[in-house]
Amino acid sequence: MSAKFEINIGGETENWHEFLKAVNEKIKKVTSSEDKQMGNFFIKQSVDEKEFCDKVMFYLWSEVGKDNYQTSDAIFKYYVGEEKEPKEFSFNELYNLEQRTEILKGFIRYIKESEA
């Protein structure tokens, strides 16, 4: 039986394995490589917003995002509310705690919807 880890952000939960599948597809698309993809147990338990930022988002920025920032392959994008066009963000913006929850929710939505 596989563990069902969750990402808890702003009172909402996302399935880790669904996010992982979507983000790994995005990583492979923008890097043309599987080397930078995250494994099933990159996290070993459910994580809250801070842990997600500290581990997952930091990894994504340092290994993929910073190299593609402000390019057509940028993965650090998020949806704001019902807007149809995502906005780009930098890792630094995640330190603004007033915006972090909105950015992370919009980022997960962007990753999941861009996979489809």
Protein backbone atom coordinates (compact mmCIF):
# COMPACT_ATOMS: atom_id res chain seq x y z
CA MET A 1 0.00 0.00 0.00
CA SER A 2 1.43 3.37 -0.97
CA ALA A 3 1.43 6.29 1.42
CA LYS A 4 -0.93 9.16 0.67
CA PHE A 5 1.10 12.22 1.42
CA GLU A 6 -0.56 15.62 1.19
CA ILE A 7 0.54 19.19 0.70
CA ASN A 8 -1.36 21.46 3.12
CA ILE A 9 -1.54 25.07 1.98
CA GLY A 10 -3.86 27.68 3.40
CA GLY A 11 -6.33 25.14 4.78
CA GLU A 12 -6.49 23.22 1.49
CA THR A 13 -4.83 19.91 0.70
CA GLU A 14 -3.32 18.61 -2.50
CA ASN A 15 -2.28 15.04 -3.18
CA TRP A 16 1.53 14.84 -3.26
CA HIS A 17 1.67 12.10 -5.89
CA GLU A 18 -0.68 13.95 -8.27
CA PHE A 19 1.40 17.10 -7.89
CA LEU A 20 4.62 15.10 -8.30
CA LYS A 21 3.44 13.52 -11.54
CA ALA A 22 2.42 16.90 -12.98
CA VAL A 23 5.55 18.77 -11.87
CA ASN A 24 7.86 16.00 -13.14
CA GLU A 25 6.21 16.23 -16.56
CA LYS A 26 6.81 19.98 -16.52
CA ILE A 27 10.44 19.50 -15.42
CA LYS A 28 11.05 16.98 -18.19
CA LYS A 29 9.47 19.29 -20.76
CA VAL A 30 11.54 22.35 -19.88
CA THR A 31 14.86 20.60 -19.18
CA SER A 32 14.58 17.79 -21.78
CA SER A 33 15.93 15.53 -19.04
CA GLU A 34 14.69 13.20 -16.34
CA ASP A 35 17.71 13.90 -14.11
CA LYS A 36 16.11 16.83 -12.31
CA GLN A 37 12.79 15.12 -11.62
CA MET A 38 11.78 14.44 -8.02
CA GLY A 39 11.23 10.92 -6.75
CA ASN A 40 8.12 9.55 -5.02
CA PHE A 41 9.73 9.93 -1.62
CA PHE A 42 11.26 13.39 -2.10
CA ILE A 43 9.01 14.11 0.85
CA LYS A 44 8.44 11.31 3.34
CA GLN A 45 5.27 12.60 4.99
CA SER A 46 2.55 15.18 4.51
CA VAL A 47 3.93 18.72 4.53
CA ASP A 48 2.64 22.14 5.47
CA GLU A 49 3.17 25.35 3.54
CA LYS A 50 6.51 26.18 5.17
CA GLU A 51 7.96 22.70 4.62
CA PHE A 52 6.72 22.71 1.03
CA CYS A 53 8.50 26.03 0.44
CA ASP A 54 11.67 25.05 2.27
CA LYS A 55 12.09 21.71 0.54
CA VAL A 56 10.07 21.39 -2.67
CA MET A 57 9.98 24.98 -3.89
CA PHE A 58 13.62 25.55 -2.96
CA TYR A 59 14.63 22.46 -4.95
CA LEU A 60 12.49 23.47 -7.93
CA TRP A 61 13.94 26.98 -7.93
CA SER A 62 17.57 25.97 -7.51
CA GLU A 63 17.49 23.05 -9.97
CA VAL A 64 14.98 24.19 -12.59
CA GLY A 65 13.28 27.54 -11.99
CA LYS A 66 16.19 29.94 -11.79
CA ASP A 67 17.57 28.73 -15.13
CA ASN A 68 14.24 29.34 -16.84
CA TYR A 69 13.16 32.50 -15.03
CA GLN A 70 11.74 35.10 -17.44
CA THR A 71 11.93 32.73 -20.42
CA SER A 72 9.18 30.97 -22.34
CA ASP A 73 10.01 27.81 -20.34
CA ALA A 74 9.49 29.43 -16.93
CA ILE A 75 7.82 27.07 -14.45
CA PHE A 76 7.50 29.53 -11.57
CA LYS A 77 4.08 30.79 -12.57
CA TYR A 78 0.81 30.98 -10.71
CA TYR A 79 -2.82 31.78 -11.31
CA VAL A 80 -4.42 34.62 -9.37
CA GLY A 81 -8.08 33.96 -8.66
CA GLU A 82 -9.97 33.21 -11.84
CA GLU A 83 -7.46 34.86 -14.19
CA LYS A 84 -6.71 32.86 -17.32
CA GLU A 85 -3.11 34.00 -17.74
CA PRO A 86 -0.58 32.95 -15.10
CA LYS A 87 1.84 35.44 -13.55
CA GLU A 88 5.52 34.66 -13.12
CA PHE A 89 7.15 34.85 -9.69
CA SER A 90 10.60 34.40 -8.22
CA PHE A 91 11.55 32.30 -5.22
CA ASN A 92 12.16 35.51 -3.28
CA GLU A 93 8.45 36.36 -3.42
CA LEU A 94 7.70 33.28 -1.30
CA TYR A 95 9.26 35.07 1.68
CA ASN A 96 6.37 37.54 1.64
CA LEU A 97 4.08 35.60 3.99
CA GLU A 98 1.08 37.72 2.99
CA GLN A 99 1.40 36.51 -0.62
CA ARG A 100 2.91 33.06 -0.16
CA THR A 101 -0.32 31.11 0.30
CA GLU A 102 -1.93 32.66 -2.78
CA ILE A 103 1.21 32.09 -4.86
CA LEU A 104 1.56 28.45 -3.79
CA LYS A 105 -2.10 27.63 -4.42
CA GLY A 106 -1.88 29.29 -7.83
CA PHE A 107 1.42 27.54 -8.60
CA ILE A 108 0.00 24.10 -7.87
CA ARG A 109 -3.03 24.92 -10.03
CA TYR A 110 -0.72 26.11 -12.83
CA ILE A 111 1.39 22.96 -12.69
CA LYS A 112 -1.62 20.65 -12.67
CA GLU A 113 -3.48 22.49 -15.43
CA SER A 114 -0.47 22.90 -17.69
CA GLU A 115 0.04 19.12 -17.65
CA ALA A 116 -3.36 18.53 -19.22
